[in-house]
């Protein structure tokens, strides 16, 4: 087999491989855009800073902070 035929086959194989990878990446981008659109549709409304700072759930937040602090303390106490 002459070298030119081998080079031609190599270029064809490279083009097919790059085409497959490019197609897969386009499909991946399309799926990610679709998931983002669906996620935006079902996403909860964002909490504004004033409501968060007012401490509407301060009792449950204090309990959560206490539980997290205890877990960190127990983790640090292990050898």
N, C-alpha and C. Protein backbone atom coordinates (compact mmCIF):
# COMPACT_ATOMS: atom_id res chain seq x y z
N UNK A 1 0.84 -1.17 0.00
CA UNK A 1 0.00 0.00 0.00
C UNK A 1 0.90 1.24 0.00
N UNK A 2 0.65 2.14 -0.92
CA UNK A 2 1.47 3.36 -0.96
C UNK A 2 1.19 4.27 0.25
N UNK A 3 2.16 5.10 0.52
CA UNK A 3 2.07 6.00 1.66
C UNK A 3 0.90 6.97 1.49
N UNK A 4 0.63 7.42 0.28
CA UNK A 4 -0.46 8.38 0.06
C UNK A 4 -1.82 7.77 0.43
N UNK A 5 -2.00 6.48 0.16
CA UNK A 5 -3.26 5.83 0.55
C UNK A 5 -3.38 5.75 2.07
N UNK A 6 -2.27 5.46 2.74
CA UNK A 6 -2.30 5.40 4.19
C UNK A 6 -2.59 6.78 4.80
N UNK A 7 -1.99 7.82 4.22
CA UNK A 7 -2.26 9.17 4.70
C UNK A 7 -3.72 9.55 4.47
N UNK A 8 -4.27 9.19 3.34
CA UNK A 8 -5.67 9.49 3.04
C UNK A 8 -6.59 8.77 4.02
N UNK A 9 -6.31 7.51 4.31
CA UNK A 9 -7.11 6.77 5.29
C UNK A 9 -6.98 7.39 6.68
N UNK A 10 -5.79 7.83 7.01
CA UNK A 10 -5.57 8.48 8.31
C UNK A 10 -6.36 9.77 8.44
N UNK A 11 -6.37 10.56 7.37
CA UNK A 11 -7.12 11.81 7.39
C UNK A 11 -8.62 11.53 7.47
N UNK A 12 -9.09 10.52 6.74
CA UNK A 12 -10.50 10.16 6.80
C UNK A 12 -10.90 9.70 8.21
N UNK A 13 -10.05 8.88 8.81
CA UNK A 13 -10.33 8.40 10.17
C UNK A 13 -10.34 9.57 11.15
N UNK A 14 -9.40 10.49 10.98
CA UNK A 14 -9.35 11.66 11.85
C UNK A 14 -10.60 12.51 11.70
N UNK A 15 -11.05 12.71 10.46
CA UNK A 15 -12.24 13.52 10.22
C UNK A 15 -13.48 12.86 10.81
N UNK A 16 -13.59 11.56 10.68
CA UNK A 16 -14.74 10.84 11.26
C UNK A 16 -14.71 10.95 12.78
N UNK A 17 -13.56 10.74 13.37
CA UNK A 17 -13.44 10.82 14.83
C UNK A 17 -13.75 12.20 15.35
N UNK A 18 -13.21 13.23 14.69
CA UNK A 18 -13.48 14.60 15.13
C UNK A 18 -14.95 14.95 14.93
N UNK A 19 -15.55 14.44 13.87
CA UNK A 19 -16.98 14.69 13.64
C UNK A 19 -17.84 14.07 14.72
N UNK A 20 -17.49 12.86 15.13
CA UNK A 20 -18.25 12.18 16.19
C UNK A 20 -18.11 12.93 17.51
N UNK A 21 -16.89 13.35 17.84
CA UNK A 21 -16.67 14.08 19.09
C UNK A 21 -17.41 15.42 19.05
N UNK A 22 -17.34 16.13 17.93
CA UNK A 22 -18.02 17.41 17.80
C UNK A 22 -19.54 17.24 17.92
N UNK A 23 -20.06 16.20 17.30
CA UNK A 23 -21.50 15.93 17.39
C UNK A 23 -21.91 15.63 18.83
N UNK A 24 -21.11 14.83 19.52
CA UNK A 24 -21.41 14.52 20.91
C UNK A 24 -21.38 15.77 21.77
N UNK A 25 -20.40 16.64 21.55
CA UNK A 25 -20.32 17.87 22.34
C UNK A 25 -21.50 18.79 22.06
N UNK A 26 -21.94 18.86 20.80
CA UNK A 26 -23.13 19.65 20.49
C UNK A 26 -24.36 19.08 21.19
N UNK A 27 -24.49 17.77 21.18
CA UNK A 27 -25.60 17.12 21.86
C UNK A 27 -25.55 17.40 23.36
N UNK A 28 -24.36 17.34 23.93
CA UNK A 28 -24.20 17.60 25.36
C UNK A 28 -24.59 19.03 25.70
N UNK A 29 -24.18 19.99 24.89
CA UNK A 29 -24.54 21.39 25.13
C UNK A 29 -26.05 21.55 25.02
N UNK A 30 -26.66 20.91 24.04
CA UNK A 30 -28.11 20.99 23.89
C UNK A 30 -28.84 20.42 25.09
N UNK A 31 -28.38 19.30 25.59
CA UNK A 31 -29.01 18.68 26.77
C UNK A 31 -28.84 19.58 27.98
N UNK A 32 -27.67 20.18 28.16
CA UNK A 32 -27.44 21.07 29.30
C UNK A 32 -28.33 22.31 29.23
N UNK A 33 -28.50 22.86 28.04
CA UNK A 33 -29.39 24.02 27.88
C UNK A 33 -30.82 23.63 28.21
N UNK A 34 -31.24 22.45 27.77
CA UNK A 34 -32.58 21.96 28.05
C UNK A 34 -32.79 21.74 29.55
N UNK A 35 -31.82 21.14 30.21
CA UNK A 35 -31.92 20.90 31.65
C UNK A 35 -31.96 22.23 32.40
N UNK A 36 -31.18 23.19 31.95
CA UNK A 36 -31.18 24.51 32.59
C UNK A 36 -32.55 25.18 32.44
N UNK A 37 -33.15 25.06 31.26
CA UNK A 37 -34.47 25.66 31.05
C UNK A 37 -35.52 24.97 31.91
N UNK A 38 -35.47 23.65 31.98
CA UNK A 38 -36.43 22.92 32.81
C UNK A 38 -36.20 23.23 34.28
N UNK A 39 -34.95 23.30 34.69
CA UNK A 39 -34.65 23.63 36.09
C UNK A 39 -35.09 25.03 36.45
N UNK A 40 -34.96 25.96 35.53
CA UNK A 40 -35.41 27.33 35.78
C UNK A 40 -36.92 27.41 35.90
N UNK A 41 -37.61 26.53 35.20
CA UNK A 41 -39.06 26.52 35.26
C UNK A 41 -39.55 26.01 36.61
N UNK A 42 -38.89 24.99 37.14
CA UNK A 42 -39.31 24.39 38.40
C UNK A 42 -38.60 24.97 39.62
N UNK A 43 -37.69 25.90 39.44
CA UNK A 43 -36.92 26.44 40.56
C UNK A 43 -37.81 27.25 41.49
N UNK A 44 -37.44 27.22 42.76
CA UNK A 44 -38.18 28.01 43.74
C UNK A 44 -37.84 29.48 43.57
N UNK A 45 -38.72 30.31 44.06
CA UNK A 45 -38.47 31.74 43.97
C UNK A 45 -37.31 32.10 44.88
N UNK A 46 -36.42 33.00 44.43
CA UNK A 46 -35.28 33.37 45.26
C UNK A 46 -35.73 34.16 46.49
N UNK A 47 -35.01 33.98 47.57
CA UNK A 47 -35.31 34.69 48.81
C UNK A 47 -34.55 36.00 48.80
N UNK A 48 -35.25 37.09 49.04
CA UNK A 48 -34.56 38.38 49.05
C UNK A 48 -33.80 38.55 50.36
N UNK A 49 -32.83 39.44 50.34
CA UNK A 49 -31.93 39.61 51.49
C UNK A 49 -32.66 40.15 52.70
N UNK A 50 -33.68 40.98 52.52
CA UNK A 50 -34.40 41.56 53.65
C UNK A 50 -35.13 40.49 54.45
N UNK A 51 -35.77 39.56 53.75
CA UNK A 51 -36.48 38.48 54.43
C UNK A 51 -35.51 37.57 55.15
N UNK A 52 -34.39 37.29 54.51
CA UNK A 52 -33.40 36.41 55.11
C UNK A 52 -32.78 37.04 56.34
N UNK A 53 -32.50 38.35 56.28
CA UNK A 53 -31.84 39.04 57.38
C UNK A 53 -32.80 39.29 58.55
N UNK A 54 -34.11 39.28 58.30
CA UNK A 54 -35.07 39.57 59.36
C UNK A 54 -35.11 38.47 60.41
N UNK A 55 -34.66 37.28 60.05
CA UNK A 55 -34.63 36.18 61.02
C UNK A 55 -35.98 35.55 61.22
N UNK A 56 -36.73 35.41 60.15
CA UNK A 56 -38.07 34.82 60.24
C UNK A 56 -38.00 33.39 60.80
N UNK A 57 -36.97 32.66 60.47
CA UNK A 57 -36.80 31.28 60.95
C UNK A 57 -35.63 31.20 61.91
N UNK A 58 -35.51 32.18 62.79
CA UNK A 58 -34.32 32.23 63.63
C UNK A 58 -34.22 31.04 64.58
N UNK A 59 -35.34 30.52 65.08
CA UNK A 59 -35.27 29.39 66.01
C UNK A 59 -34.75 28.15 65.31
N UNK A 60 -35.26 27.86 64.12
CA UNK A 60 -34.78 26.68 63.41
C UNK A 60 -33.35 26.89 62.92
N UNK A 61 -33.00 28.12 62.59
CA UNK A 61 -31.62 28.40 62.16
C UNK A 61 -30.65 28.19 63.32
N UNK A 62 -31.05 28.60 64.53
CA UNK A 62 -30.18 28.41 65.70
C UNK A 62 -29.99 26.92 66.00
N UNK A 63 -31.05 26.14 65.83
CA UNK A 63 -30.93 24.70 66.03
C UNK A 63 -30.00 24.09 65.00
N UNK A 64 -30.13 24.54 63.76
CA UNK A 64 -29.27 24.02 62.69
C UNK A 64 -27.81 24.37 62.95
N UNK A 65 -27.55 25.58 63.38
CA UNK A 65 -26.18 26.01 63.69
C UNK A 65 -25.63 25.18 64.84
N UNK A 66 -26.46 24.90 65.84
CA UNK A 66 -26.00 24.09 66.98
C UNK A 66 -25.67 22.67 66.55
N UNK A 67 -26.50 22.09 65.67
CA UNK A 67 -26.24 20.73 65.21
C UNK A 67 -24.97 20.67 64.38
N UNK A 68 -24.78 21.64 63.50
CA UNK A 68 -23.58 21.67 62.66
C UNK A 68 -22.34 21.87 63.52
N UNK A 69 -22.43 22.77 64.50
CA UNK A 69 -21.28 23.00 65.38
C UNK A 69 -20.93 21.75 66.18
N UNK A 70 -21.94 21.04 66.66
CA UNK A 70 -21.68 19.80 67.40
C UNK A 70 -21.04 18.75 66.51
N UNK A 71 -21.50 18.66 65.27
CA UNK A 71 -20.92 17.68 64.35
C UNK A 71 -19.47 18.01 64.04
N UNK A 72 -19.17 19.28 63.85
CA UNK A 72 -17.78 19.69 63.58
C UNK A 72 -16.91 19.41 64.80
N UNK A 73 -17.42 19.72 65.99
CA UNK A 73 -16.66 19.45 67.20
C UNK A 73 -16.39 17.96 67.40
N UNK A 74 -17.37 17.13 67.11
CA UNK A 74 -17.18 15.68 67.24
C UNK A 74 -16.20 15.18 66.20
N UNK A 75 -16.25 15.71 65.00
CA UNK A 75 -15.32 15.29 63.96
C UNK A 75 -13.88 15.67 64.32
N UNK A 76 -13.72 16.87 64.85
CA UNK A 76 -12.36 17.32 65.23
C UNK A 76 -11.82 16.54 66.41
N UNK A 77 -12.70 16.02 67.27
CA UNK A 77 -12.26 15.28 68.44
C UNK A 77 -11.76 13.89 68.10
N UNK A 78 -12.14 13.37 66.93
CA UNK A 78 -11.69 12.03 66.53
C UNK A 78 -10.21 12.08 66.16
N UNK A 79 -9.47 10.99 66.47
CA UNK A 79 -8.02 10.98 66.17
C UNK A 79 -7.72 10.90 64.69
